[in-house]
Amino acid sequence: MKKLQLIYILFLALITFSSCKETIKKENKPTEKNYVIEAKSTIINWTAYKTTNKVPVKGKFNSVTIESAKTASTITEALDGLKFNIPVSSIFTKDTVRDTKLKKFFFGSMNNTETISGTLAIINETTGAVTLTMNGISHDLPITFTIKDQTVTIESLMDLDNWKAQLALQALNAACKDLHSGEDGIPKTWNEVKIEVSTNLKYQ
């Protein structure tokens, strides 16, 4: 009889121990993973145009600051509402003389443009808009984007007239008169700028 009681007690103890282990495992279950943007992975390329033949001039910004990075269950949710600042001083075209002229004559002719700032709004899985602030003016810039794995590629065509940059374009065109003149001898700096942005999102 004593043996049966001992076996019964051991059996109860084993069941209790197993239940405790299961409870501990459930409590230690890891939280769901989310996406968050990697600011260091963000590359901002641009293409401007000169001469009446519309010759492309390529460059980029080497720095961007993300102000409101958030975690979300999807990439589009992580991007929606994202705020950023781009220091104008980080402009880079592989030509130091050109970089200096862009800072001095183009951006230097604008108001409050030490930085270009913006807020991203996602409309659907392929389109959105950026409320971009430059020259003291905020204006919506339509964008399209693609997502491959955890990389987002954003494209847009910027009309500088929407940010009242005509005087800045005239100043740059005058400073670069010879370089912006084609075979017809007419100096021209276009108001169109193509924007291409690439960024990665961590899954954590």
N, C-alpha and C. Protein backbone atom coordinates (compact mmCIF):
# COMPACT_ATOMS: atom_id res chain seq x y z
N MET A 1 0.83 -1.20 0.00
CA MET A 1 0.00 0.00 0.00
C MET A 1 0.87 1.26 0.00
N LYS A 2 1.92 1.23 0.84
CA LYS A 2 2.85 2.37 0.92
C LYS A 2 3.52 2.61 -0.42
N LYS A 3 3.85 1.52 -1.12
CA LYS A 3 4.49 1.65 -2.43
C LYS A 3 3.56 2.33 -3.41
N LEU A 4 2.28 1.96 -3.37
CA LEU A 4 1.30 2.57 -4.27
C LEU A 4 1.15 4.06 -3.99
N GLN A 5 1.14 4.43 -2.70
CA GLN A 5 1.05 5.85 -2.34
C GLN A 5 2.27 6.62 -2.83
N LEU A 6 3.45 6.02 -2.70
CA LEU A 6 4.69 6.67 -3.13
C LEU A 6 4.69 6.88 -4.64
N ILE A 7 4.23 5.88 -5.37
CA ILE A 7 4.16 5.99 -6.83
C ILE A 7 3.18 7.09 -7.23
N TYR A 8 2.03 7.13 -6.51
CA TYR A 8 1.02 8.15 -6.79
C TYR A 8 1.56 9.56 -6.57
N ILE A 9 2.30 9.76 -5.46
CA ILE A 9 2.89 11.07 -5.14
C ILE A 9 3.91 11.47 -6.19
N LEU A 10 4.76 10.51 -6.61
CA LEU A 10 5.77 10.79 -7.64
C LEU A 10 5.10 11.15 -8.96
N PHE A 11 4.00 10.47 -9.27
CA PHE A 11 3.26 10.73 -10.52
C PHE A 11 2.69 12.15 -10.51
N LEU A 12 2.13 12.58 -9.40
CA LEU A 12 1.59 13.93 -9.26
C LEU A 12 2.70 14.98 -9.37
N ALA A 13 3.83 14.70 -8.75
CA ALA A 13 4.97 15.62 -8.80
C ALA A 13 5.47 15.80 -10.23
N LEU A 14 5.50 14.67 -10.98
CA LEU A 14 5.96 14.72 -12.37
C LEU A 14 5.03 15.57 -13.23
N ILE A 15 3.70 15.38 -13.04
CA ILE A 15 2.71 16.16 -13.79
C ILE A 15 2.85 17.64 -13.46
N THR A 16 3.00 17.99 -12.18
CA THR A 16 3.14 19.39 -11.76
C THR A 16 4.38 20.02 -12.35
N PHE A 17 5.50 19.28 -12.35
CA PHE A 17 6.76 19.79 -12.89
C PHE A 17 6.64 20.05 -14.39
N SER A 18 5.99 19.14 -15.10
CA SER A 18 5.81 19.30 -16.55
C SER A 18 4.95 20.52 -16.85
N SER A 19 3.90 20.72 -16.07
CA SER A 19 3.02 21.88 -16.27
C SER A 19 3.77 23.18 -16.05
N CYS A 20 4.64 23.19 -15.05
CA CYS A 20 5.45 24.39 -14.78
C CYS A 20 6.37 24.71 -15.93
N LYS A 21 6.98 23.67 -16.51
CA LYS A 21 7.89 23.85 -17.64
C LYS A 21 7.15 24.44 -18.83
N GLU A 22 5.94 23.95 -19.09
CA GLU A 22 5.15 24.45 -20.21
C GLU A 22 4.78 25.91 -20.00
N THR A 23 4.46 26.28 -18.74
CA THR A 23 4.11 27.66 -18.42
C THR A 23 5.29 28.57 -18.64
N ILE A 24 6.46 28.14 -18.21
CA ILE A 24 7.68 28.93 -18.38
C ILE A 24 7.98 29.14 -19.85
N LYS A 25 7.82 28.09 -20.65
CA LYS A 25 8.09 28.18 -22.08
C LYS A 25 7.17 29.19 -22.75
N LYS A 26 5.89 29.18 -22.35
CA LYS A 26 4.92 30.10 -22.92
C LYS A 26 5.25 31.54 -22.55
N GLU A 27 5.67 31.75 -21.28
CA GLU A 27 6.02 33.10 -20.82
C GLU A 27 7.25 33.64 -21.52
N ASN A 28 8.18 32.76 -21.90
CA ASN A 28 9.42 33.17 -22.56
C ASN A 28 9.32 33.21 -24.08
N LYS A 29 8.11 33.02 -24.60
CA LYS A 29 7.92 33.03 -26.05
C LYS A 29 8.31 34.40 -26.61
N PRO A 30 9.17 34.47 -27.64
CA PRO A 30 9.63 35.76 -28.16
C PRO A 30 8.49 36.55 -28.79
N THR A 31 8.62 37.88 -28.71
CA THR A 31 7.60 38.76 -29.30
C THR A 31 7.71 38.74 -30.81
N GLU A 32 6.63 39.16 -31.47
CA GLU A 32 6.58 39.16 -32.93
C GLU A 32 7.58 40.15 -33.51
N LYS A 33 8.22 39.78 -34.62
CA LYS A 33 9.21 40.64 -35.25
C LYS A 33 8.54 41.75 -36.04
N ASN A 34 9.26 42.89 -36.18
CA ASN A 34 8.75 44.04 -36.92
C ASN A 34 9.83 44.63 -37.81
N TYR A 35 9.39 45.46 -38.77
CA TYR A 35 10.30 46.16 -39.67
C TYR A 35 10.62 47.55 -39.12
N VAL A 36 11.87 47.99 -39.35
CA VAL A 36 12.27 49.35 -39.02
C VAL A 36 13.34 49.79 -40.02
N ILE A 37 13.29 51.05 -40.44
CA ILE A 37 14.20 51.54 -41.47
C ILE A 37 15.63 51.66 -40.94
N GLU A 38 16.60 51.38 -41.81
CA GLU A 38 18.01 51.56 -41.49
C GLU A 38 18.48 52.86 -42.14
N ALA A 39 18.63 53.91 -41.35
CA ALA A 39 19.00 55.22 -41.90
C ALA A 39 20.35 55.15 -42.63
N LYS A 40 21.29 54.37 -42.10
CA LYS A 40 22.62 54.29 -42.70
C LYS A 40 22.61 53.64 -44.08
N SER A 41 21.58 52.87 -44.36
CA SER A 41 21.51 52.19 -45.66
C SER A 41 20.85 53.06 -46.73
N THR A 42 20.32 54.22 -46.35
CA THR A 42 19.57 55.05 -47.28
C THR A 42 20.50 55.80 -48.23
N ILE A 43 20.24 55.66 -49.53
CA ILE A 43 21.02 56.33 -50.57
C ILE A 43 20.08 57.23 -51.36
N ILE A 44 20.41 58.53 -51.43
CA ILE A 44 19.58 59.49 -52.15
C ILE A 44 20.34 59.99 -53.37
N ASN A 45 19.95 59.50 -54.54
CA ASN A 45 20.57 59.92 -55.80
C ASN A 45 19.66 60.91 -56.53
N TRP A 46 20.25 61.81 -57.29
CA TRP A 46 19.46 62.74 -58.09
C TRP A 46 20.13 62.94 -59.46
N THR A 47 19.32 63.29 -60.44
CA THR A 47 19.81 63.60 -61.77
C THR A 47 19.20 64.93 -62.22
N ALA A 48 20.07 65.92 -62.43
CA ALA A 48 19.64 67.21 -62.96
C ALA A 48 20.02 67.26 -64.44
N TYR A 49 19.61 68.34 -65.13
CA TYR A 49 19.84 68.41 -66.58
C TYR A 49 20.32 69.81 -66.98
N LYS A 50 21.26 69.82 -67.95
CA LYS A 50 21.80 71.09 -68.44
C LYS A 50 21.83 71.08 -69.97
N THR A 51 22.00 72.25 -70.57
CA THR A 51 22.02 72.52 -72.02
C THR A 51 20.65 72.24 -72.63
N THR A 52 20.41 72.79 -73.80
CA THR A 52 19.13 72.58 -74.48
C THR A 52 18.95 71.12 -74.91
N ASN A 53 20.03 70.36 -74.98
CA ASN A 53 19.97 68.93 -75.30
C ASN A 53 19.65 68.06 -74.09
N LYS A 54 19.48 68.71 -72.94
CA LYS A 54 19.11 68.03 -71.69
C LYS A 54 20.13 66.95 -71.30
N VAL A 55 21.37 67.37 -71.15
CA VAL A 55 22.45 66.48 -70.73
C VAL A 55 22.33 66.21 -69.23
N PRO A 56 22.32 64.94 -68.81
CA PRO A 56 22.16 64.64 -67.38
C PRO A 56 23.42 64.94 -66.57
N VAL A 57 23.19 65.42 -65.35
CA VAL A 57 24.26 65.62 -64.37
C VAL A 57 23.83 64.88 -63.10
N LYS A 58 24.61 63.88 -62.71
CA LYS A 58 24.22 63.02 -61.59
C LYS A 58 24.94 63.40 -60.30
N GLY A 59 24.26 63.19 -59.21
CA GLY A 59 24.84 63.44 -57.89
C GLY A 59 24.04 62.72 -56.82
N LYS A 60 24.40 62.98 -55.58
CA LYS A 60 23.68 62.37 -54.46
C LYS A 60 23.89 63.20 -53.20
N PHE A 61 23.16 62.85 -52.15
CA PHE A 61 23.38 63.42 -50.83
C PHE A 61 23.96 62.31 -49.95
N ASN A 62 25.06 62.64 -49.30
CA ASN A 62 25.77 61.62 -48.51
C ASN A 62 25.23 61.44 -47.11
N SER A 63 24.25 62.25 -46.73
CA SER A 63 23.75 62.16 -45.35
C SER A 63 22.25 62.38 -45.31
N VAL A 64 21.58 61.63 -44.45
CA VAL A 64 20.15 61.84 -44.19
C VAL A 64 19.88 61.44 -42.74
N THR A 65 19.04 62.21 -42.08
CA THR A 65 18.67 61.93 -40.70
C THR A 65 17.20 61.54 -40.65
N ILE A 66 16.93 60.40 -40.02
CA ILE A 66 15.55 59.95 -39.85
C ILE A 66 15.07 60.40 -38.47
N GLU A 67 13.98 61.15 -38.43
CA GLU A 67 13.51 61.71 -37.17
C GLU A 67 12.50 60.81 -36.46
N SER A 68 11.72 60.06 -37.22
CA SER A 68 10.61 59.34 -36.59
C SER A 68 10.56 57.89 -37.02
N ALA A 69 11.69 57.21 -36.94
CA ALA A 69 11.71 55.79 -37.30
C ALA A 69 10.82 55.01 -36.34
N LYS A 70 9.99 54.14 -36.90
CA LYS A 70 9.09 53.35 -36.07
C LYS A 70 9.11 51.91 -36.53
N THR A 71 8.75 51.01 -35.63
CA THR A 71 8.64 49.60 -35.99
C THR A 71 7.20 49.29 -36.37
N ALA A 72 7.04 48.41 -37.34
CA ALA A 72 5.69 48.05 -37.80
C ALA A 72 5.72 46.64 -38.37
N SER A 73 4.54 46.05 -38.48
CA SER A 73 4.45 44.66 -38.95
C SER A 73 4.66 44.53 -40.45
N THR A 74 4.51 45.64 -41.21
CA THR A 74 4.76 45.62 -42.65
C THR A 74 5.71 46.76 -43.03
N ILE A 75 6.34 46.64 -44.19
CA ILE A 75 7.27 47.66 -44.66
C ILE A 75 6.55 48.97 -44.94
N THR A 76 5.39 48.90 -45.57
CA THR A 76 4.67 50.14 -45.89
C THR A 76 4.24 50.88 -44.62
N GLU A 77 3.86 50.15 -43.59
CA GLU A 77 3.48 50.78 -42.32
C GLU A 77 4.69 51.44 -41.66
N ALA A 78 5.86 50.80 -41.79
CA ALA A 78 7.08 51.37 -41.22
C ALA A 78 7.50 52.66 -41.93
N LEU A 79 7.17 52.77 -43.22
CA LEU A 79 7.54 53.95 -44.00
C LEU A 79 6.53 55.09 -43.84
N ASP A 80 5.27 54.75 -43.63
CA ASP A 80 4.22 55.77 -43.58
C ASP A 80 4.42 56.72 -42.40
N GLY A 81 4.45 58.03 -42.70
CA GLY A 81 4.65 59.03 -41.66
C GLY A 81 6.10 59.30 -41.31
N LEU A 82 7.01 58.66 -42.01
CA LEU A 82 8.44 58.83 -41.73
C LEU A 82 8.89 60.26 -42.01
N LYS A 83 9.63 60.86 -41.09
CA LYS A 83 10.14 62.22 -41.25
C LYS A 83 11.67 62.17 -41.39
N PHE A 84 12.20 63.03 -42.27
CA PHE A 84 13.64 63.01 -42.52
C PHE A 84 14.17 64.41 -42.78
N ASN A 85 15.49 64.55 -42.62
CA ASN A 85 16.20 65.80 -42.92
C ASN A 85 17.44 65.47 -43.74
N ILE A 86 17.67 66.24 -44.80
CA ILE A 86 18.85 66.05 -45.65
C ILE A 86 19.71 67.31 -45.57
N PRO A 87 20.91 67.24 -45.01
CA PRO A 87 21.80 68.41 -44.99
C PRO A 87 22.27 68.75 -46.41
N VAL A 88 22.06 69.98 -46.82
CA VAL A 88 22.49 70.42 -48.15
C VAL A 88 24.01 70.30 -48.30
N SER A 89 24.72 70.47 -47.20
CA SER A 89 26.19 70.40 -47.22
C SER A 89 26.70 69.02 -47.61
N SER A 90 25.83 68.01 -47.59
CA SER A 90 26.27 66.64 -47.91
C SER A 90 26.15 66.33 -49.40
N ILE A 91 25.85 67.34 -50.23
CA ILE A 91 25.72 67.10 -51.67
C ILE A 91 27.06 66.66 -52.25
N PHE A 92 27.02 65.72 -53.20
CA PHE A 92 28.26 65.13 -53.74
C PHE A 92 28.05 64.74 -55.19
N THR A 93 28.93 65.26 -56.06
CA THR A 93 28.83 64.96 -57.50
C THR A 93 30.14 64.44 -58.09
N LYS A 94 31.11 64.13 -57.25
CA LYS A 94 32.46 63.71 -57.67
C LYS A 94 33.22 64.87 -58.33
N ASP A 95 32.74 66.09 -58.13
CA ASP A 95 33.40 67.29 -58.68
C ASP A 95 33.27 68.38 -57.63
N THR A 96 34.38 68.66 -56.94
CA THR A 96 34.33 69.61 -55.83
C THR A 96 33.96 71.03 -56.28
N VAL A 97 34.37 71.41 -57.48
CA VAL A 97 34.02 72.74 -58.00
C VAL A 97 32.51 72.83 -58.21
N ARG A 98 31.94 71.80 -58.81
CA ARG A 98 30.49 71.77 -59.02
C ARG A 98 29.75 71.76 -57.69
N ASP A 99 30.24 70.96 -56.74
CA ASP A 99 29.59 70.90 -55.42
C ASP A 99 29.56 72.28 -54.78
N THR A 100 30.66 73.01 -54.86
CA THR A 100 30.74 74.34 -54.27
C THR A 100 29.76 75.30 -54.94
N LYS A 101 29.64 75.23 -56.26
CA LYS A 101 28.72 76.11 -56.98
C LYS A 101 27.26 75.79 -56.64
N LEU A 102 26.94 74.52 -56.50
CA LEU A 102 25.58 74.14 -56.12
C LEU A 102 25.22 74.67 -54.74
N LYS A 103 26.15 74.56 -53.80
CA LYS A 103 25.90 75.06 -52.44
C LYS A 103 25.80 76.59 -52.43
N LYS A 104 26.70 77.26 -53.16
CA LYS A 104 26.78 78.72 -53.11
C LYS A 104 25.68 79.38 -53.93
N PHE A 105 25.52 78.97 -55.18
CA PHE A 105 24.63 79.69 -56.09
C PHE A 105 23.20 79.12 -56.12
N PHE A 106 23.07 77.80 -56.07
CA PHE A 106 21.72 77.22 -56.12
C PHE A 106 21.06 77.27 -54.73
N PHE A 107 21.58 76.48 -53.80
CA PHE A 107 20.99 76.47 -52.47
C PHE A 107 21.22 77.78 -51.73
N GLY A 108 22.35 78.43 -52.03
CA GLY A 108 22.65 79.71 -51.37
C GLY A 108 21.71 80.82 -51.77
N SER A 109 20.97 80.65 -52.87
CA SER A 109 20.01 81.66 -53.31
C SER A 109 18.61 81.41 -52.75
N MET A 110 18.46 80.37 -51.96
CA MET A 110 17.15 80.01 -51.40
C MET A 110 17.02 80.51 -49.97
N ASN A 111 15.81 80.40 -49.45
CA ASN A 111 15.53 80.76 -48.06
C ASN A 111 15.51 79.52 -47.18
N ASN A 112 16.15 79.61 -46.03
CA ASN A 112 16.07 78.55 -45.02
C ASN A 112 16.37 77.16 -45.59
N THR A 113 17.47 77.04 -46.32
CA THR A 113 17.74 75.74 -46.96
C THR A 113 19.10 75.17 -46.56
N GLU A 114 19.37 75.16 -45.26
CA GLU A 114 20.52 74.39 -44.78
C GLU A 114 20.19 72.91 -44.87
N THR A 115 18.90 72.62 -44.74
CA THR A 115 18.44 71.24 -44.87
C THR A 115 17.18 71.18 -45.75
N ILE A 116 16.98 70.03 -46.36
CA ILE A 116 15.74 69.72 -47.05
C ILE A 116 15.02 68.69 -46.19
N SER A 117 13.80 68.97 -45.81
CA SER A 117 13.08 68.06 -44.92
C SER A 117 11.83 67.53 -45.60
N GLY A 118 11.32 66.43 -45.08
CA GLY A 118 10.13 65.84 -45.69
C GLY A 118 9.44 64.85 -44.78
N THR A 119 8.18 64.59 -45.11
CA THR A 119 7.38 63.58 -44.43
C THR A 119 6.77 62.67 -45.48
N LEU A 120 6.96 61.38 -45.30
CA LEU A 120 6.52 60.39 -46.28
C LEU A 120 5.12 59.88 -45.95
N ALA A 121 4.26 59.83 -46.98
CA ALA A 121 2.91 59.28 -46.82
C ALA A 121 2.71 58.18 -47.86
N ILE A 122 2.33 57.01 -47.39
CA ILE A 122 2.10 55.87 -48.28
C ILE A 122 0.61 55.81 -48.65
N ILE A 123 0.32 55.75 -49.95
CA ILE A 123 -1.06 55.69 -50.42
C ILE A 123 -1.51 54.25 -50.62
N ASN A 124 -0.69 53.48 -51.33
CA ASN A 124 -0.98 52.05 -51.52
C ASN A 124 0.33 51.29 -51.65
N GLU A 125 0.33 50.12 -52.24
CA GLU A 125 1.52 49.27 -52.30
C GLU A 125 2.58 49.75 -53.29
N THR A 126 2.26 50.75 -54.11
CA THR A 126 3.23 51.22 -55.11
C THR A 126 3.35 52.74 -55.21
N THR A 127 2.47 53.49 -54.59
CA THR A 127 2.49 54.95 -54.72
C THR A 127 2.39 55.64 -53.37
N GLY A 128 2.82 56.89 -53.37
CA GLY A 128 2.75 57.70 -52.16
C GLY A 128 3.10 59.14 -52.48
N ALA A 129 3.44 59.90 -51.46
CA ALA A 129 3.81 61.30 -51.65
C ALA A 129 4.74 61.72 -50.52
N VAL A 130 5.59 62.69 -50.82
CA VAL A 130 6.45 63.28 -49.80
C VAL A 130 6.10 64.75 -49.68
N THR A 131 5.75 65.19 -48.49
CA THR A 131 5.58 66.61 -48.25
C THR A 131 6.97 67.18 -48.04
N LEU A 132 7.54 67.77 -49.10
CA LEU A 132 8.94 68.19 -49.11
C LEU A 132 9.04 69.69 -48.84
N THR A 133 9.91 70.06 -47.91
CA THR A 133 10.11 71.47 -47.57
C THR A 133 11.49 71.92 -48.03
N MET A 134 11.51 72.91 -48.91
CA MET A 134 12.74 73.48 -49.45
C MET A 134 12.46 74.93 -49.84
N ASN A 135 13.44 75.80 -49.65
CA ASN A 135 13.27 77.22 -49.99
C ASN A 135 12.13 77.85 -49.19
N GLY A 136 11.88 77.30 -47.99
CA GLY A 136 10.82 77.82 -47.14
C GLY A 136 9.43 77.44 -47.60
N ILE A 137 9.32 76.51 -48.55
CA ILE A 137 8.04 76.12 -49.12
C ILE A 137 7.84 74.61 -48.95
N SER A 138 6.64 74.23 -48.51
CA SER A 138 6.28 72.81 -48.40
C SER A 138 5.32 72.47 -49.53
N HIS A 139 5.64 71.40 -50.25
CA HIS A 139 4.81 71.00 -51.39
C HIS A 139 4.86 69.49 -51.52
N ASP A 140 3.75 68.89 -51.94
CA ASP A 140 3.69 67.43 -52.08
C ASP A 140 4.38 66.98 -53.36
N LEU A 141 5.26 65.99 -53.21
CA LEU A 141 5.97 65.39 -54.33
C LEU A 141 5.48 63.96 -54.52
N PRO A 142 4.75 63.65 -55.60
CA PRO A 142 4.28 62.28 -55.82
C PRO A 142 5.47 61.33 -56.03
N ILE A 143 5.35 60.12 -55.52
CA ILE A 143 6.40 59.12 -55.66
C ILE A 143 5.81 57.78 -56.08
N THR A 144 6.64 56.95 -56.68
CA THR A 144 6.32 55.54 -56.88
C THR A 144 7.42 54.73 -56.21
N PHE A 145 7.11 53.52 -55.78
CA PHE A 145 8.14 52.71 -55.14
C PHE A 145 7.90 51.23 -55.38
N THR A 146 8.98 50.48 -55.26
CA THR A 146 8.92 49.02 -55.35
C THR A 146 9.59 48.43 -54.12
N ILE A 147 9.13 47.26 -53.73
CA ILE A 147 9.70 46.55 -52.58
C ILE A 147 10.19 45.19 -53.03
N LYS A 148 11.46 44.91 -52.79
CA LYS A 148 12.02 43.59 -53.09
C LYS A 148 12.75 43.09 -51.85
N ASP A 149 12.27 41.99 -51.30
CA ASP A 149 12.77 41.49 -50.03
C ASP A 149 12.60 42.59 -48.98
N GLN A 150 13.70 43.13 -48.45
CA GLN A 150 13.61 44.19 -47.45
C GLN A 150 14.18 45.52 -47.96
N THR A 151 14.31 45.63 -49.30
CA THR A 151 14.83 46.85 -49.92
C THR A 151 13.71 47.61 -50.62
N VAL A 152 13.63 48.91 -50.36
CA VAL A 152 12.63 49.77 -50.99
C VAL A 152 13.34 50.74 -51.94
N THR A 153 12.85 50.84 -53.17
CA THR A 153 13.37 51.78 -54.16
C THR A 153 12.28 52.79 -54.49
N ILE A 154 12.59 54.07 -54.30
CA ILE A 154 11.62 55.15 -54.52
C ILE A 154 12.08 56.01 -55.69
N GLU A 155 11.15 56.40 -56.55
CA GLU A 155 11.46 57.25 -57.69
C GLU A 155 10.46 58.40 -57.79
N SER A 156 10.95 59.54 -58.28
CA SER A 156 10.07 60.69 -58.48
C SER A 156 10.72 61.67 -59.44
N LEU A 157 9.89 62.50 -60.07
CA LEU A 157 10.38 63.58 -60.92
C LEU A 157 9.96 64.89 -60.28
N MET A 158 10.94 65.67 -59.89
CA MET A 158 10.71 66.91 -59.13
C MET A 158 10.72 68.11 -60.06
N ASP A 159 9.67 68.93 -59.97
CA ASP A 159 9.59 70.19 -60.72
C ASP A 159 9.97 71.31 -59.75
N LEU A 160 11.15 71.89 -59.94
CA LEU A 160 11.66 72.89 -58.99
C LEU A 160 10.80 74.15 -58.95
N ASP A 161 9.99 74.37 -59.97
CA ASP A 161 9.10 75.54 -59.95
C ASP A 161 8.10 75.48 -58.80
N ASN A 162 7.77 74.25 -58.37
CA ASN A 162 6.83 74.09 -57.25
C ASN A 162 7.41 74.58 -55.93
N TRP A 163 8.72 74.75 -55.88
CA TRP A 163 9.38 75.28 -54.69
C TRP A 163 9.97 76.67 -54.97
N LYS A 164 9.44 77.30 -56.03
CA LYS A 164 9.83 78.67 -56.41
C LYS A 164 11.36 78.83 -56.47
N ALA A 165 12.00 77.89 -57.18
CA ALA A 165 13.46 77.87 -57.26
C ALA A 165 13.98 78.56 -58.53
N GLN A 166 13.15 79.38 -59.18
CA GLN A 166 13.56 80.01 -60.45
C GLN A 166 14.79 80.90 -60.28
N LEU A 167 14.82 81.71 -59.21
CA LEU A 167 15.97 82.59 -58.98
C LEU A 167 17.23 81.78 -58.71
N ALA A 168 17.07 80.66 -57.98
CA ALA A 168 18.22 79.79 -57.69
C ALA A 168 18.74 79.15 -58.97
N LEU A 169 17.84 78.75 -59.86
CA LEU A 169 18.25 78.18 -61.14
C LEU A 169 18.95 79.22 -62.01
N GLN A 170 18.44 80.45 -61.99
CA GLN A 170 19.07 81.52 -62.77
C GLN A 170 20.47 81.82 -62.26
N ALA A 171 20.64 81.82 -60.94
CA ALA A 171 21.96 82.09 -60.34
C ALA A 171 22.94 80.99 -60.71
N LEU A 172 22.49 79.74 -60.66
CA LEU A 172 23.36 78.62 -61.01
C LEU A 172 23.69 78.64 -62.50
N ASN A 173 22.70 78.94 -63.33
CA ASN A 173 22.90 78.98 -64.77
C ASN A 173 23.92 80.05 -65.16
N ALA A 174 23.86 81.21 -64.48
CA ALA A 174 24.81 82.30 -64.76
C ALA A 174 26.22 81.92 -64.31
N ALA A 175 26.31 81.24 -63.16
CA ALA A 175 27.63 80.85 -62.63
C ALA A 175 28.26 79.74 -63.47
N CYS A 176 27.42 78.95 -64.14
CA CYS A 176 27.91 77.82 -64.94
C CYS A 176 27.62 78.03 -66.43
N LYS A 177 27.64 79.28 -66.86
CA LYS A 177 27.22 79.64 -68.21
C LYS A 177 27.92 78.81 -69.29
N ASP A 178 29.22 78.73 -69.24
CA ASP A 178 29.97 77.99 -70.27
C ASP A 178 29.69 76.49 -70.21
N LEU A 179 29.65 75.95 -69.01
CA LEU A 179 29.43 74.50 -68.85
C LEU A 179 28.00 74.09 -69.17
N HIS A 180 27.06 75.02 -69.07
CA HIS A 180 25.66 74.72 -69.32
C HIS A 180 25.22 75.13 -70.72
N SER A 181 26.19 75.48 -71.57
CA SER A 181 25.89 75.84 -72.96
C SER A 181 26.22 74.67 -73.88
N GLY A 182 25.29 74.33 -74.75
CA GLY A 182 25.51 73.24 -75.69
C GLY A 182 26.05 73.76 -77.01
N GLU A 183 25.82 73.01 -78.08
CA GLU A 183 26.31 73.39 -79.39
C GLU A 183 25.67 74.69 -79.90
N ASP A 184 24.46 74.98 -79.42
CA ASP A 184 23.79 76.21 -79.85
C ASP A 184 24.26 77.44 -79.09
N GLY A 185 25.12 77.23 -78.09
CA GLY A 185 25.66 78.36 -77.33
C GLY A 185 24.70 78.95 -76.31
N ILE A 186 23.54 78.31 -76.11
CA ILE A 186 22.54 78.83 -75.17
C ILE A 186 22.69 78.11 -73.82
N PRO A 187 22.99 78.86 -72.74
CA PRO A 187 23.09 78.22 -71.43
C PRO A 187 21.69 77.89 -70.89
N LYS A 188 21.54 76.68 -70.39
CA LYS A 188 20.23 76.28 -69.86
C LYS A 188 20.41 75.31 -68.70
N THR A 189 19.66 75.57 -67.63
CA THR A 189 19.57 74.65 -66.50
C THR A 189 18.11 74.29 -66.32
N TRP A 190 17.79 73.03 -66.44
CA TRP A 190 16.39 72.60 -66.42
C TRP A 190 15.81 72.61 -65.01
N ASN A 191 14.49 72.79 -64.94
CA ASN A 191 13.82 72.79 -63.65
C ASN A 191 13.41 71.39 -63.19
N GLU A 192 13.70 70.37 -64.01
CA GLU A 192 13.37 68.99 -63.65
C GLU A 192 14.56 68.30 -62.98
N VAL A 193 14.26 67.57 -61.92
CA VAL A 193 15.28 66.77 -61.23
C VAL A 193 14.68 65.40 -60.94
N LYS A 194 15.34 64.36 -61.39
CA LYS A 194 14.90 63.00 -61.11
C LYS A 194 15.48 62.53 -59.78
N ILE A 195 14.64 61.99 -58.92
CA ILE A 195 15.05 61.53 -57.60
C ILE A 195 14.94 60.01 -57.54
N GLU A 196 15.99 59.36 -57.03
CA GLU A 196 15.99 57.90 -56.83
C GLU A 196 16.55 57.61 -55.44
N VAL A 197 15.73 56.97 -54.63
CA VAL A 197 16.12 56.66 -53.25
C VAL A 197 16.05 55.15 -53.03
N SER A 198 17.07 54.63 -52.35
CA SER A 198 17.09 53.22 -51.99
C SER A 198 17.35 53.10 -50.49
N THR A 199 16.59 52.24 -49.82
CA THR A 199 16.79 52.05 -48.39
C THR A 199 16.42 50.64 -48.00
N ASN A 200 17.04 50.15 -46.94
CA ASN A 200 16.76 48.82 -46.41
C ASN A 200 16.01 48.93 -45.08
N LEU A 201 15.21 47.92 -44.81
CA LEU A 201 14.52 47.85 -43.52
C LEU A 201 14.95 46.59 -42.79
N LYS A 202 15.31 46.76 -41.52
CA LYS A 202 15.67 45.61 -40.70
C LYS A 202 14.41 44.89 -40.26
N TYR A 203 14.53 43.58 -40.11
CA TYR A 203 13.44 42.77 -39.59
C TYR A 203 13.88 42.27 -38.23
N GLN A 204 13.32 42.83 -37.18
CA GLN A 204 13.83 42.53 -35.83
C GLN A 204 12.71 42.21 -34.85
